[in-house]
């Protein structure tokens, strides 16, 4: 084996390892967020649900949920850090969803009689 062949082999192996490592990093940054909205009130509610990332609207949905009804959206968005906004009538509640180092996570929104409660798993 010549020095030129050895050098080529080392460069090829090094590039392959680097590309594999970069692909792994890209995967971990592209986790997904699942969310669920539960109506804990005794009457139906109309909900305006929005998620933003870096002040850009990435999801906007309107739901009508009956008493005790839950709506769940699996892997709704790629990414794990969002500002969440829930509006019922004229009342708006907000929440900053942070990744906490997770690839995937779940956000639960509970509509209670007087409040909107946000709860997020550290990791899904």
Protein backbone atom coordinates (compact mmCIF):
# COMPACT_ATOMS: atom_id res chain seq x y z
CA UNK A 1 0.00 0.00 0.00
CA UNK A 2 1.41 3.37 -1.00
CA UNK A 3 1.34 6.55 1.01
CA UNK A 4 -1.14 8.07 -1.50
CA UNK A 5 -3.56 5.11 -1.06
CA UNK A 6 -3.32 5.32 2.74
CA UNK A 7 -3.95 9.05 2.67
CA UNK A 8 -7.00 8.59 0.45
CA UNK A 9 -8.37 5.83 2.68
CA UNK A 10 -7.95 7.97 5.82
CA UNK A 11 -9.65 10.96 4.15
CA UNK A 12 -12.54 8.78 2.95
CA UNK A 13 -13.07 7.24 6.39
CA UNK A 14 -12.78 10.66 8.07
CA UNK A 15 -15.36 12.22 5.73
CA UNK A 16 -17.73 9.30 6.24
CA UNK A 17 -17.52 9.55 10.03
CA UNK A 18 -18.04 13.34 9.91
CA UNK A 19 -21.09 13.06 7.66
CA UNK A 20 -22.60 10.36 9.87
CA UNK A 21 -22.07 12.50 12.96
CA UNK A 22 -23.64 15.53 11.27
CA UNK A 23 -26.66 13.48 10.19
CA UNK A 24 -27.14 12.35 13.79
CA UNK A 25 -27.04 15.94 15.03
CA UNK A 26 -29.57 17.06 12.45
CA UNK A 27 -31.92 14.26 13.50
CA UNK A 28 -31.80 15.17 17.19
CA UNK A 29 -32.66 18.81 16.48
CA UNK A 30 -35.73 17.85 14.48
CA UNK A 31 -37.79 16.27 17.25
CA UNK A 32 -41.55 16.46 17.20
CA UNK A 33 -44.15 17.99 19.44
CA UNK A 34 -47.47 16.27 20.14
CA UNK A 35 -50.25 18.24 21.80
CA UNK A 36 -53.61 17.52 23.37
CA UNK A 37 -56.38 19.87 24.46
CA UNK A 38 -58.88 18.73 27.07
CA UNK A 39 -62.11 20.53 27.92
CA UNK A 40 -62.67 20.16 31.65
CA UNK A 41 -65.62 22.52 31.67
CA UNK A 42 -69.26 21.49 31.95
CA UNK A 43 -70.13 23.27 28.70
CA UNK A 44 -68.76 23.22 25.15
CA UNK A 45 -65.99 25.71 24.35
CA UNK A 46 -64.61 27.23 21.15
CA UNK A 47 -60.82 27.30 21.25
CA UNK A 48 -58.39 29.22 19.08
CA UNK A 49 -55.06 27.35 19.35
CA UNK A 50 -51.83 28.83 17.95
CA UNK A 51 -48.15 27.93 18.08
CA UNK A 52 -45.30 30.22 17.10
CA UNK A 53 -41.59 29.75 16.70
CA UNK A 54 -39.38 32.85 16.71
CA UNK A 55 -42.54 35.00 16.38
CA UNK A 56 -43.61 33.15 13.22
CA UNK A 57 -47.03 31.47 13.25
CA UNK A 58 -46.53 27.77 12.51
CA UNK A 59 -49.90 26.31 13.46
CA UNK A 60 -53.37 27.83 13.87
CA UNK A 61 -56.37 25.65 14.62
CA UNK A 62 -59.88 26.24 15.86
CA UNK A 63 -61.59 23.56 17.92
CA UNK A 64 -65.05 23.17 19.37
CA UNK A 65 -64.80 20.75 22.28
CA UNK A 66 -67.74 19.37 24.20
CA UNK A 67 -67.62 18.81 27.99
CA UNK A 68 -64.88 16.30 28.82
CA UNK A 69 -63.80 16.01 25.18
CA UNK A 70 -60.09 15.81 24.27
CA UNK A 71 -58.44 16.55 20.94
CA UNK A 72 -54.94 15.12 20.35
CA UNK A 73 -52.54 15.79 17.49
CA UNK A 74 -49.60 13.35 17.24
CA UNK A 75 -46.32 14.77 15.94
CA UNK A 76 -48.06 18.01 15.08
CA UNK A 77 -44.87 19.93 14.39
CA UNK A 78 -41.22 19.30 13.80
CA UNK A 79 -39.25 20.99 16.52
CA UNK A 80 -39.72 21.28 20.25
CA UNK A 81 -39.59 24.97 21.22
CA UNK A 82 -42.69 27.08 20.69
CA UNK A 83 -44.75 29.91 22.11
CA UNK A 84 -48.28 28.59 22.63
CA UNK A 85 -51.41 30.73 22.68
CA UNK A 86 -54.90 29.51 23.62
CA UNK A 87 -57.86 31.86 23.28
CA UNK A 88 -61.36 31.13 24.59
CA UNK A 89 -63.79 33.96 24.04
CA UNK A 90 -61.82 37.07 24.90
CA UNK A 91 -59.39 35.38 27.33
CA UNK A 92 -55.95 34.38 26.08
CA UNK A 93 -53.42 32.22 27.93
CA UNK A 94 -49.81 31.81 26.77
CA UNK A 95 -47.04 29.32 27.46
CA UNK A 96 -43.38 29.00 26.42
CA UNK A 97 -42.71 25.38 25.51
CA UNK A 98 -39.00 24.55 25.87
CA UNK A 99 -37.26 21.39 24.67
CA UNK A 100 -35.37 20.51 27.89
CA UNK A 101 -33.00 18.47 25.72
CA UNK A 102 -35.73 16.16 24.39
CA UNK A 103 -36.05 14.86 20.86
CA UNK A 104 -39.84 14.52 21.18
CA UNK A 105 -42.24 15.93 23.72
CA UNK A 106 -45.90 16.33 24.53
CA UNK A 107 -47.85 19.43 25.52
CA UNK A 108 -51.14 19.04 27.38
CA UNK A 109 -53.59 21.92 27.57
CA UNK A 110 -56.39 21.59 30.12
CA UNK A 111 -59.33 23.97 29.87
CA UNK A 112 -60.63 24.29 33.42
CA UNK A 113 -63.64 26.24 34.72
CA UNK A 114 -61.62 29.39 35.45
CA UNK A 115 -58.15 28.74 34.00
CA UNK A 116 -56.16 27.23 31.17
CA UNK A 117 -53.43 24.94 32.52
CA UNK A 118 -50.39 23.96 30.46
CA UNK A 119 -48.35 20.85 31.24
CA UNK A 120 -45.42 19.49 29.24
CA UNK A 121 -43.56 16.22 29.61
CA UNK A 122 -39.84 16.59 29.94
CA UNK A 123 -39.53 13.95 27.22
CA UNK A 124 -42.02 11.80 25.38
